[in-house]
Amino acid sequence: MSPKKQTNKYQEIKTSLEALPHISPVQVEHWVHMQKVIDQTRDYLIRAVPQAQQSVDEAQKILAQRTYTLVFFGGTGVGKSTLINGLLGRNLLPTGAVTAVTGTIVYIQQADEGEAESLVLTYWTQDEFAKRVRRLCQMAELDGFDIINDGEREQAQEAIQQIMADNADNAKTERDEYLEILLDCISSYENNSSLYTDGNPAPRSLALDNEDSLRHLREDGFKGSQQRQIRLIKSATFKIQPKVGQESLLMNGYLRIVDVP
């Protein structure tokens, strides 16, 4: 690309960014600078590391979206959800003390104008869930099994229960925690097998004004109940409306927040 065309390109980017709401001149310059860095290093990266092509393309897509994603991640129970609730000015995400509460990755985005607030649950496909269970088996030092197969699932459940019974008098270990999660996966799958009757489940939208909706995101939600689905949920998306008379933290839809458990 000729220097003149590049200059025009960056000017067009700057002009389009300046038209966005809630964006400062410093942010505009930073965004344009990132685009320049990508352009200047693209050819070098691809020549030096051919695998970098995909990463460069992904970065380009993010810049083209003209949106922001703010990700919160950290150790278990450190208060990520509490901090997000504070920033939003409302008790949106389930919170608790010390132990993990939110049991899946959560996205928060602004709902369309006139759209009711909702919580959308996206489920693991059967293949994805089966792979996750096999990975948990490795972490629990247990022979892998196919959770989709009734016979293998039943045998694994009996084996896990026997191991836990044999270790009942010993101090709880990290392995015990993984074994408990595996049992939870088994019971959750069996109680919700109807989700997969017609193939992979479609996303489920829940009304946000229903108190039970949030229980689906809690590690302890519906525990011991056939309604428990947390192990089957891949992600959850809150679609919320800004408070009347209050500036939207989500920048009228240009910012998305992510809470990683």
C-alpha atoms as a PDB file:
ATOM      1  CA  MET A   1       0.000   0.000   0.000  1.00  0.00           C
ATOM      2  CA  SER A   2       1.397   3.415  -0.953  1.00  0.00           C
ATOM      3  CA  PRO A   3       2.151   5.963   1.828  1.00  0.00           C
ATOM      4  CA  LYS A   4      -0.647   8.221   0.540  1.00  0.00           C
ATOM      5  CA  LYS A   5      -3.226   5.430   0.632  1.00  0.00           C
ATOM      6  CA  GLN A   6      -2.075   4.446   4.134  1.00  0.00           C
ATOM      7  CA  THR A   7      -2.489   8.041   5.336  1.00  0.00           C
ATOM      8  CA  ASN A   8      -6.004   8.137   3.897  1.00  0.00           C
ATOM      9  CA  LYS A   9      -6.782   4.803   5.547  1.00  0.00           C
ATOM     10  CA  TYR A  10      -5.732   6.016   8.987  1.00  0.00           C
ATOM     11  CA  GLN A  11      -7.610   9.276   8.558  1.00  0.00           C
ATOM     12  CA  GLU A  12     -10.765   7.352   7.661  1.00  0.00           C
ATOM     13  CA  ILE A  13     -10.335   5.155  10.742  1.00  0.00           C
ATOM     14  CA  LYS A  14      -9.835   8.224  12.927  1.00  0.00           C
ATOM     15  CA  THR A  15     -12.905   9.935  11.512  1.00  0.00           C
ATOM     16  CA  SER A  16     -15.106   6.877  12.018  1.00  0.00           C
ATOM     17  CA  LEU A  17     -13.867   6.426  15.602  1.00  0.00           C
ATOM     18  CA  GLU A  18     -14.488  10.063  16.481  1.00  0.00           C
ATOM     19  CA  ALA A  19     -18.140   9.556  15.542  1.00  0.00           C
ATOM     20  CA  LEU A  20     -18.571   6.903  18.247  1.00  0.00           C
ATOM     21  CA  PRO A  21     -20.126   7.897  21.588  1.00  0.00           C
ATOM     22  CA  HIS A  22     -18.111   7.903  24.843  1.00  0.00           C
ATOM     23  CA  ILE A  23     -14.668   7.812  23.212  1.00  0.00           C
ATOM     24  CA  SER A  24     -11.908  10.270  24.053  1.00  0.00           C
ATOM     25  CA  PRO A  25      -9.298  11.757  21.680  1.00  0.00           C
ATOM     26  CA  VAL A  26      -6.606   9.756  23.516  1.00  0.00           C
ATOM     27  CA  GLN A  27      -8.517   6.517  22.907  1.00  0.00           C
ATOM     28  CA  VAL A  28      -8.922   7.411  19.225  1.00  0.00           C
ATOM     29  CA  GLU A  29      -5.195   7.984  18.833  1.00  0.00           C
ATOM     30  CA  HIS A  30      -4.434   4.746  20.673  1.00  0.00           C
ATOM     31  CA  TRP A  31      -6.790   2.806  18.391  1.00  0.00           C
ATOM     32  CA  VAL A  32      -5.226   4.278  15.238  1.00  0.00           C
ATOM     33  CA  HIS A  33      -1.765   3.535  16.634  1.00  0.00           C
ATOM     34  CA  MET A  34      -2.691  -0.124  17.158  1.00  0.00           C
ATOM     35  CA  GLN A  35      -3.833  -0.312  13.537  1.00  0.00           C
ATOM     36  CA  LYS A  36      -0.515   1.138  12.387  1.00  0.00           C
ATOM     37  CA  VAL A  37       1.458  -1.335  14.491  1.00  0.00           C
ATOM     38  CA  ILE A  38      -0.464  -4.239  12.981  1.00  0.00           C
ATOM     39  CA  ASP A  39       0.115  -2.927   9.455  1.00  0.00           C
ATOM     40  CA  GLN A  40       3.827  -2.323  10.053  1.00  0.00           C
ATOM     41  CA  THR A  41       4.532  -5.728  11.579  1.00  0.00           C
ATOM     42  CA  ARG A  42       2.180  -7.911   9.514  1.00  0.00           C
ATOM     43  CA  ASP A  43       4.604  -8.838   6.725  1.00  0.00           C
ATOM     44  CA  TYR A  44       7.511  -9.366   9.103  1.00  0.00           C
ATOM     45  CA  LEU A  45       5.514 -11.623  11.404  1.00  0.00           C
ATOM     46  CA  ILE A  46       4.155 -13.746   8.597  1.00  0.00           C
ATOM     47  CA  ARG A  47       7.622 -14.195   7.082  1.00  0.00           C
ATOM     48  CA  ALA A  48       9.234 -15.021  10.426  1.00  0.00           C
ATOM     49  CA  VAL A  49       6.385 -17.036  11.936  1.00  0.00           C
ATOM     50  CA  PRO A  50       3.902 -18.375   9.361  1.00  0.00           C
ATOM     51  CA  GLN A  51       1.519 -19.416  12.159  1.00  0.00           C
ATOM     52  CA  ALA A  52       1.151 -15.748  13.094  1.00  0.00           C
ATOM     53  CA  GLN A  53      -1.154 -15.166  10.130  1.00  0.00           C
ATOM     54  CA  GLN A  54      -4.211 -16.303  12.111  1.00  0.00           C
ATOM     55  CA  SER A  55      -3.348 -14.137  15.128  1.00  0.00           C
ATOM     56  CA  VAL A  56      -2.858 -11.084  12.936  1.00  0.00           C
ATOM     57  CA  ASP A  57      -6.153 -11.721  11.171  1.00  0.00           C
ATOM     58  CA  GLU A  58      -7.960 -12.040  14.525  1.00  0.00           C
ATOM     59  CA  ALA A  59      -6.464  -8.775  15.757  1.00  0.00           C
ATOM     60  CA  GLN A  60      -7.587  -7.106  12.532  1.00  0.00           C
ATOM     61  CA  LYS A  61     -11.134  -8.385  13.028  1.00  0.00           C
ATOM     62  CA  ILE A  62     -11.237  -6.952  16.561  1.00  0.00           C
ATOM     63  CA  LEU A  63     -10.095  -3.553  15.329  1.00  0.00           C
ATOM     64  CA  ALA A  64     -12.668  -3.639  12.532  1.00  0.00           C
ATOM     65  CA  GLN A  65     -15.494  -4.186  15.027  1.00  0.00           C
ATOM     66  CA  ARG A  66     -14.871  -0.820  16.698  1.00  0.00           C
ATOM     67  CA  THR A  67     -15.948  -2.327  20.013  1.00  0.00           C
ATOM     68  CA  TYR A  68     -14.282  -2.971  23.343  1.00  0.00           C
ATOM     69  CA  THR A  69     -14.209  -6.099  25.489  1.00  0.00           C
ATOM     70  CA  LEU A  70     -13.324  -5.684  29.166  1.00  0.00           C
ATOM     71  CA  VAL A  71     -12.266  -9.018  30.703  1.00  0.00           C
ATOM     72  CA  PHE A  72     -12.128  -9.737  34.451  1.00  0.00           C
ATOM     73  CA  PHE A  73     -10.166 -12.796  35.528  1.00  0.00           C
ATOM     74  CA  GLY A  74      -8.419 -13.931  38.693  1.00  0.00           C
ATOM     75  CA  GLY A  75      -8.350 -16.571  41.387  1.00  0.00           C
ATOM     76  CA  THR A  76     -11.400 -18.351  42.768  1.00  0.00           C
ATOM     77  CA  GLY A  77     -13.577 -16.234  45.039  1.00  0.00           C
ATOM     78  CA  VAL A  78     -11.459 -13.059  44.841  1.00  0.00           C
ATOM     79  CA  GLY A  79     -14.474 -10.860  44.108  1.00  0.00           C
ATOM     80  CA  LYS A  80     -14.578 -10.375  40.330  1.00  0.00           C
ATOM     81  CA  SER A  81     -18.371 -10.530  40.241  1.00  0.00           C
ATOM     82  CA  THR A  82     -18.638  -8.162  43.205  1.00  0.00           C
ATOM     83  CA  LEU A  83     -16.409  -5.638  41.434  1.00  0.00           C
ATOM     84  CA  ILE A  84     -18.446  -5.868  38.225  1.00  0.00           C
ATOM     85  CA  ASN A  85     -21.671  -5.356  40.171  1.00  0.00           C
ATOM     86  CA  GLY A  86     -20.131  -2.254  41.753  1.00  0.00           C
ATOM     87  CA  LEU A  87     -19.161  -0.827  38.373  1.00  0.00           C
ATOM     88  CA  LEU A  88     -22.623  -1.531  36.958  1.00  0.00           C
ATOM     89  CA  GLY A  89     -24.327  -0.050  39.995  1.00  0.00           C
ATOM     90  CA  ARG A  90     -26.605  -3.073  40.431  1.00  0.00           C
ATOM     91  CA  ASN A  91     -26.530  -6.590  41.887  1.00  0.00           C
ATOM     92  CA  LEU A  92     -26.483  -8.432  38.591  1.00  0.00           C
ATOM     93  CA  LEU A  93     -24.024 -11.299  39.071  1.00  0.00           C
ATOM     94  CA  PRO A  94     -24.387 -13.816  41.921  1.00  0.00           C
ATOM     95  CA  THR A  95     -21.816 -13.238  44.658  1.00  0.00           C
ATOM     96  CA  GLY A  96     -20.705 -14.897  47.886  1.00  0.00           C
ATOM     97  CA  ALA A  97     -17.862 -15.076  50.373  1.00  0.00           C
ATOM     98  CA  VAL A  98     -14.490 -16.805  49.777  1.00  0.00           C
ATOM     99  CA  THR A  99     -15.665 -19.738  47.632  1.00  0.00           C
ATOM    100  CA  ALA A 100     -16.430 -19.641  43.918  1.00  0.00           C
ATOM    101  CA  VAL A 101     -19.972 -18.569  43.114  1.00  0.00           C
ATOM    102  CA  THR A 102     -20.169 -17.904  39.394  1.00  0.00           C
ATOM    103  CA  GLY A 103     -19.804 -21.290  37.703  1.00  0.00           C
ATOM    104  CA  THR A 104     -19.338 -20.399  34.041  1.00  0.00           C
ATOM    105  CA  ILE A 105     -17.976 -17.666  31.808  1.00  0.00           C
ATOM    106  CA  VAL A 106     -20.355 -14.703  31.756  1.00  0.00           C
ATOM    107  CA  TYR A 107     -20.807 -11.978  29.143  1.00  0.00           C
ATOM    108  CA  ILE A 108     -22.600  -8.707  29.858  1.00  0.00           C
ATOM    109  CA  GLN A 109     -23.819  -6.611  26.970  1.00  0.00           C
ATOM    110  CA  GLN A 110     -26.402  -3.952  26.326  1.00  0.00           C
ATOM    111  CA  ALA A 111     -29.798  -5.136  25.123  1.00  0.00           C
ATOM    112  CA  ASP A 112     -31.304  -3.631  22.002  1.00  0.00           C
ATOM    113  CA  GLU A 113     -33.560  -0.665  22.483  1.00  0.00           C
ATOM    114  CA  GLY A 114     -36.963  -1.839  23.690  1.00  0.00           C
ATOM    115  CA  GLU A 115     -35.703  -5.385  24.326  1.00  0.00           C
ATOM    116  CA  ALA A 116     -36.526  -6.925  27.726  1.00  0.00           C
ATOM    117  CA  GLU A 117     -33.573  -7.743  29.951  1.00  0.00           C
ATOM    118  CA  SER A 118     -32.639 -11.414  29.797  1.00  0.00           C
ATOM    119  CA  LEU A 119     -30.104 -14.094  30.616  1.00  0.00           C
ATOM    120  CA  VAL A 120     -29.186 -16.341  27.683  1.00  0.00           C
ATOM    121  CA  LEU A 121     -27.654 -19.741  28.482  1.00  0.00           C
ATOM    122  CA  THR A 122     -25.510 -21.484  25.877  1.00  0.00           C
ATOM    123  CA  TYR A 123     -24.841 -25.197  26.383  1.00  0.00           C
ATOM    124  CA  TRP A 124     -21.891 -27.428  25.587  1.00  0.00           C
ATOM    125  CA  THR A 125     -22.462 -29.780  22.681  1.00  0.00           C
ATOM    126  CA  GLN A 126     -22.347 -33.480  23.553  1.00  0.00           C
ATOM    127  CA  ASP A 127     -18.871 -33.827  22.042  1.00  0.00           C
ATOM    128  CA  GLU A 128     -17.588 -30.768  23.901  1.00  0.00           C
ATOM    129  CA  PHE A 129     -19.042 -31.969  27.185  1.00  0.00           C
ATOM    130  CA  ALA A 130     -17.605 -35.459  26.710  1.00  0.00           C
ATOM    131  CA  LYS A 131     -14.123 -33.963  26.098  1.00  0.00           C
ATOM    132  CA  ARG A 132     -14.409 -31.832  29.236  1.00  0.00           C
ATOM    133  CA  VAL A 133     -15.313 -34.887  31.291  1.00  0.00           C
ATOM    134  CA  ARG A 134     -12.351 -36.847  29.908  1.00  0.00           C
ATOM    135  CA  ARG A 135     -10.091 -33.924  30.836  1.00  0.00           C
ATOM    136  CA  LEU A 136     -11.525 -33.931  34.352  1.00  0.00           C
ATOM    137  CA  CYS A 137     -10.759 -37.657  34.548  1.00  0.00           C
ATOM    138  CA  GLN A 138      -7.097 -36.924  33.849  1.00  0.00           C
ATOM    139  CA  MET A 139      -7.021 -34.271  36.579  1.00  0.00           C
ATOM    140  CA  ALA A 140      -8.727 -36.694  38.986  1.00  0.00           C
ATOM    141  CA  GLU A 141      -6.270 -39.479  38.090  1.00  0.00           C
ATOM    142  CA  LEU A 142      -9.154 -41.632  36.912  1.00  0.00           C
ATOM    143  CA  ASP A 143      -9.529 -43.793  33.819  1.00  0.00           C
ATOM    144  CA  GLY A 144     -11.378 -41.817  31.163  1.00  0.00           C
ATOM    145  CA  PHE A 145     -14.951 -42.732  30.248  1.00  0.00           C
ATOM    146  CA  ASP A 146     -17.553 -41.656  27.725  1.00  0.00           C
ATOM    147  CA  ILE A 147     -20.236 -39.814  29.673  1.00  0.00           C
ATOM    148  CA  ILE A 148     -22.601 -40.161  26.707  1.00  0.00           C
ATOM    149  CA  ASN A 149     -22.469 -43.961  27.016  1.00  0.00           C
ATOM    150  CA  ASP A 150     -24.927 -45.211  29.655  1.00  0.00           C
ATOM    151  CA  GLY A 151     -22.864 -48.251  30.625  1.00  0.00           C
ATOM    152  CA  GLU A 152     -19.550 -46.410  30.937  1.00  0.00           C
ATOM    153  CA  ARG A 153     -21.210 -43.594  32.846  1.00  0.00           C
ATOM    154  CA  GLU A 154     -22.742 -46.005  35.376  1.00  0.00           C
ATOM    155  CA  GLN A 155     -19.456 -47.863  35.898  1.00  0.00           C
ATOM    156  CA  ALA A 156     -17.565 -44.599  36.360  1.00  0.00           C
ATOM    157  CA  GLN A 157     -20.105 -43.367  38.902  1.00  0.00           C
ATOM    158  CA  GLU A 158     -19.730 -46.538  40.966  1.00  0.00           C
ATOM    159  CA  ALA A 159     -15.925 -46.367  40.796  1.00  0.00           C
ATOM    160  CA  ILE A 160     -15.841 -42.723  41.896  1.00  0.00           C
ATOM    161  CA  GLN A 161     -18.246 -43.334  44.771  1.00  0.00           C
ATOM    162  CA  GLN A 162     -16.104 -46.254  45.943  1.00  0.00           C
ATOM    163  CA  ILE A 163     -12.918 -44.154  45.851  1.00  0.00           C
ATOM    164  CA  MET A 164     -14.581 -41.393  47.847  1.00  0.00           C
ATOM    165  CA  ALA A 165     -15.957 -43.877  50.378  1.00  0.00           C
ATOM    166  CA  ASP A 166     -12.489 -45.408  50.857  1.00  0.00           C
ATOM    167  CA  ASN A 167     -11.009 -41.937  51.489  1.00  0.00           C
ATOM    168  CA  ALA A 168     -13.856 -40.641  53.642  1.00  0.00           C
ATOM    169  CA  ASP A 169     -11.716 -40.564  56.804  1.00  0.00           C
ATOM    170  CA  ASN A 170      -8.817 -38.708  55.170  1.00  0.00           C
ATOM    171  CA  ALA A 171      -8.369 -34.957  54.685  1.00  0.00           C
ATOM    172  CA  LYS A 172     -10.017 -33.651  51.536  1.00  0.00           C
ATOM    173  CA  THR A 173      -7.608 -33.289  48.605  1.00  0.00           C
ATOM    174  CA  GLU A 174      -7.676 -31.578  45.230  1.00  0.00           C
ATOM    175  CA  ARG A 175      -8.380 -34.956  43.673  1.00  0.00           C
ATOM    176  CA  ASP A 176     -11.493 -35.295  45.823  1.00  0.00           C
ATOM    177  CA  GLU A 177     -12.767 -31.986  44.463  1.00  0.00           C
ATOM    178  CA  TYR A 178     -12.364 -33.204  40.885  1.00  0.00           C
ATOM    179  CA  LEU A 179     -14.124 -36.443  41.743  1.00  0.00           C
ATOM    180  CA  GLU A 180     -17.042 -34.474  43.201  1.00  0.00           C
ATOM    181  CA  ILE A 181     -17.230 -32.404  40.017  1.00  0.00           C
ATOM    182  CA  LEU A 182     -17.292 -35.602  37.948  1.00  0.00           C
ATOM    183  CA  LEU A 183     -20.212 -36.933  39.985  1.00  0.00           C
ATOM    184  CA  ASP A 184     -21.956 -33.604  39.493  1.00  0.00           C
ATOM    185  CA  CYS A 185     -21.350 -33.867  35.723  1.00  0.00           C
ATOM    186  CA  ILE A 186     -22.854 -37.353  35.679  1.00  0.00           C
ATOM    187  CA  SER A 187     -25.995 -36.429  37.601  1.00  0.00           C
ATOM    188  CA  SER A 188     -26.422 -33.170  35.656  1.00  0.00           C
ATOM    189  CA  TYR A 189     -26.209 -35.004  32.352  1.00  0.00           C
ATOM    190  CA  GLU A 190     -28.616 -37.732  33.421  1.00  0.00           C
ATOM    191  CA  ASN A 191     -31.155 -35.246  34.791  1.00  0.00           C
ATOM    192  CA  ASN A 192     -30.982 -33.106  31.659  1.00  0.00           C
ATOM    193  CA  SER A 193     -30.476 -35.715  28.934  1.00  0.00           C
ATOM    194  CA  SER A 194     -33.642 -34.431  27.255  1.00  0.00           C
ATOM    195  CA  LEU A 195     -31.655 -31.355  26.228  1.00  0.00           C
ATOM    196  CA  TYR A 196     -29.767 -33.551  23.751  1.00  0.00           C
ATOM    197  CA  THR A 197     -32.688 -35.604  22.454  1.00  0.00           C
ATOM    198  CA  ASP A 198     -32.842 -33.717  19.152  1.00  0.00           C
ATOM    199  CA  GLY A 199     -29.134 -33.002  18.839  1.00  0.00           C
ATOM    200  CA  ASN A 200     -27.216 -30.186  20.448  1.00  0.00           C
ATOM    201  CA  PRO A 201     -29.344 -27.860  22.611  1.00  0.00           C
ATOM    202  CA  ALA A 202     -30.296 -24.400  21.424  1.00  0.00           C
ATOM    203  CA  PRO A 203     -29.539 -21.362  23.613  1.00  0.00           C
ATOM    204  CA  ARG A 204     -32.124 -20.766  26.332  1.00  0.00           C
ATOM    205  CA  SER A 205     -33.361 -17.280  27.156  1.00  0.00           C
ATOM    206  CA  LEU A 206     -34.558 -16.571  30.713  1.00  0.00           C
ATOM    207  CA  ALA A 207     -36.319 -13.479  32.008  1.00  0.00           C
ATOM    208  CA  LEU A 208     -33.947 -11.507  34.214  1.00  0.00           C
ATOM    209  CA  ASP A 209     -36.705 -10.491  36.612  1.00  0.00           C
ATOM    210  CA  ASN A 210     -37.125 -14.172  37.584  1.00  0.00           C
ATOM    211  CA  GLU A 211     -35.026 -14.888  40.703  1.00  0.00           C
ATOM    212  CA  ASP A 212     -34.461 -18.496  39.653  1.00  0.00           C
ATOM    213  CA  SER A 213     -32.648 -17.368  36.492  1.00  0.00           C
ATOM    214  CA  LEU A 214     -29.497 -16.415  38.416  1.00  0.00           C
ATOM    215  CA  ARG A 215     -29.453 -19.721  40.297  1.00  0.00           C
ATOM    216  CA  HIS A 216     -28.422 -21.419  37.045  1.00  0.00           C
ATOM    217  CA  LEU A 217     -25.073 -19.574  37.239  1.00  0.00           C
ATOM    218  CA  ARG A 218     -24.231 -20.398  40.826  1.00  0.00           C
ATOM    219  CA  GLU A 219     -21.861 -23.237  41.697  1.00  0.00           C
ATOM    220  CA  ASP A 220     -24.348 -24.198  44.398  1.00  0.00           C
ATOM    221  CA  GLY A 221     -27.430 -23.469  42.310  1.00  0.00           C
ATOM    222  CA  PHE A 222     -30.168 -26.148  42.357  1.00  0.00           C
ATOM    223  CA  LYS A 223     -27.720 -28.520  44.058  1.00  0.00           C
ATOM    224  CA  GLY A 224     -29.302 -31.959  44.472  1.00  0.00           C
ATOM    225  CA  SER A 225     -32.121 -30.958  42.131  1.00  0.00           C
ATOM    226  CA  GLN A 226     -32.999 -32.124  38.639  1.00  0.00           C
ATOM    227  CA  GLN A 227     -32.925 -28.463  37.593  1.00  0.00           C
ATOM    228  CA  ARG A 228     -29.154 -28.229  38.109  1.00  0.00           C
ATOM    229  CA  GLN A 229     -27.422 -27.451  34.800  1.00  0.00           C
ATOM    230  CA  ILE A 230     -24.273 -25.486  35.675  1.00  0.00           C
ATOM    231  CA  ARG A 231     -21.916 -28.231  34.421  1.00  0.00           C
ATOM    232  CA  LEU A 232     -23.697 -28.238  31.048  1.00  0.00           C
ATOM    233  CA  ILE A 233     -23.637 -24.473  30.543  1.00  0.00           C
ATOM    234  CA  LYS A 234     -20.849 -23.255  28.278  1.00  0.00           C
ATOM    235  CA  SER A 235     -21.502 -19.543  28.755  1.00  0.00           C
ATOM    236  CA  ALA A 236     -24.137 -17.103  29.916  1.00  0.00           C
ATOM    237  CA  THR A 237     -24.956 -13.708  28.424  1.00  0.00           C
ATOM    238  CA  PHE A 238     -26.703 -10.944  30.317  1.00  0.00           C
ATOM    239  CA  LYS A 239     -28.550  -8.519  28.070  1.00  0.00           C
ATOM    240  CA  ILE A 240     -29.310  -5.456  30.142  1.00  0.00           C
ATOM    241  CA  GLN A 241     -30.671  -1.937  29.712  1.00  0.00           C
ATOM    242  CA  PRO A 242     -28.945   1.186  31.089  1.00  0.00           C
ATOM    243  CA  LYS A 243     -30.515   2.892  34.062  1.00  0.00           C
ATOM    244  CA  VAL A 244     -32.667   5.886  33.216  1.00  0.00           C
ATOM    245  CA  GLY A 245     -30.758   9.127  33.750  1.00  0.00           C
ATOM    246  CA  GLN A 246     -27.431   7.321  34.225  1.00  0.00           C
ATOM    247  CA  GLU A 247     -24.592   7.139  31.699  1.00  0.00           C
ATOM    248  CA  SER A 248     -24.274   3.606  30.346  1.00  0.00           C
ATOM    249  CA  LEU A 249     -21.105   1.792  31.406  1.00  0.00           C
ATOM    250  CA  LEU A 250     -21.558  -0.370  28.323  1.00  0.00           C
ATOM    251  CA  MET A 251     -21.154   2.699  26.078  1.00  0.00           C
ATOM    252  CA  ASN A 252     -24.490   2.191  24.313  1.00  0.00           C
ATOM    253  CA  GLY A 253     -23.452  -1.259  23.143  1.00  0.00           C
ATOM    254  CA  TYR A 254     -19.828  -0.530  22.221  1.00  0.00           C
ATOM    255  CA  LEU A 255     -18.462  -2.238  25.356  1.00  0.00           C
ATOM    256  CA  ARG A 256     -18.904  -5.842  26.454  1.00  0.00           C
ATOM    257  CA  ILE A 257     -17.839  -7.148  29.877  1.00  0.00           C
ATOM    258  CA  VAL A 258     -16.573 -10.695  30.422  1.00  0.00           C
ATOM    259  CA  ASP A 259     -16.385 -12.426  33.824  1.00  0.00           C
ATOM    260  CA  VAL A 260     -14.112 -15.485  33.682  1.00  0.00           C
ATOM    261  CA  PRO A 261     -14.560 -17.998  36.548  1.00  0.00           C
END
